[in-house]
């Protein structure tokens, strides 16, 4: 595999590279750029944060779970490449001025996250820095540094990188398809091919499980699957739409999704993770499937010259088993409009950067005080994301009040037989699910239900 990209403004051409070499390992071992640190090596701590630049802008990502082919035809900036000969970047100076560093191990990652946020004019530091951990300084001086950096100009090298990318020799490889037709041909010849989009899950297969995932294809360059398009009665999401793209879209288009998507890992992970990947891996604790099922989403699946569309809820058959035929892949997701009563609740031990113990999504159609229809879906309650059909049936046709909610109490155990694991007990999960329906009732009544909003 031959790859071309920019590293801190300098063109790089790599040949005969192992496709699963992480950007972090290559930087530290091959280039001796050791400012980018290795902490958790699974995308949680942010010590390895770098900036990836393309025609769409700049984004912070975790170098430990980004493979070299994923930066082909892009520009990469590390902590060593954000200052100039004349002066440090404002984020660096602000960290100095506000005493935002003690041991310094986490500092390069914080600064690169700040620089990406500064370029994007994003001043929500609670969100942009949620994926960077500090064990000794504390967040107060770091946040003050981030606030002091607000409003400073984007660095000249950002625009130079975008300009220089237009003249960069393009990486061309059979395992870097740029169209769905090319991908369909690959899967027709080798249907067992592992597809890598954001690698936020696959990266851990390599780093932690030491799996051999060959043969593989990197699908992040298929631009036709990167877009969100509006239609008369639905939205169409390409499978390569990132979770961060979806989060930004949701603010105006489906605000009830925004809190859930904001708590989906970190900015660095959301900038890489794709909606199609979150669905296709079939995880029972993925956060997007319950919400999408509650919304009545459909999947568009492509196999060579054949396209089929199925309800998302039917895609998940059993743990580790999805309705995906040999040589078939997720091309897009169709989400119906007008989901006014959708609410999503993520329950986890930590507020930020944690896997859900339970993730519930509720979408009831209520008219004249009566439940006309119900779609309720959960993650973390079964081996697959699953609808609560017995509960739905108990609610439908009934008056929307606490008596109806209480009457559904025994139906939850008919729908779900959750496991006990390190995140929660089975009894806890069932209790939470029941309680979330009560929370949903008060939520639709415009009563505060978020702990940050409730006061004595």
Foldseek 3Di string as FASTA:
>chain_A
DWFWEAELRHIDIDPPDDQLAFQQCCCCPVVVNPQQDDDPLQQAAQSRWKWKAEPVGIAIARRSQHTPVNNGLIYIYFLVRQQDPVGGQLLVVLCVVLVVDDPSSQVRRLSNLLLRCQRVLNLPCVASCLRHDDDPRDCPSSNSSSVVNHPDDRDPVNVVRHVVSVVIDGDDDLQEDQAVLSLLVVLVVPLLAAEAFLRSPVSCCCVPVVDDRPPYHYDNNNVVLQDWDDDDWKIKHFQNDFLVNVLVVCVPFPVLCNLQSSQPAGRNSSVRHTNQVLLVQQALQRQPVQLQLQQQKKWWKDHNPDIDIDTSQQQRDFQRHGPADRSMGTGIMIGTGDQVLKHKDFDFPDSHRGTGCKIKIWGFDADPQATQFIWIWMGNFHSGTHTLVQLRVQRHGGGPDVVSLVVCLVSLVVGGQGPADPTHHNVVRSVVVSVVVVLSSVVVVVDDDDPVPDDD
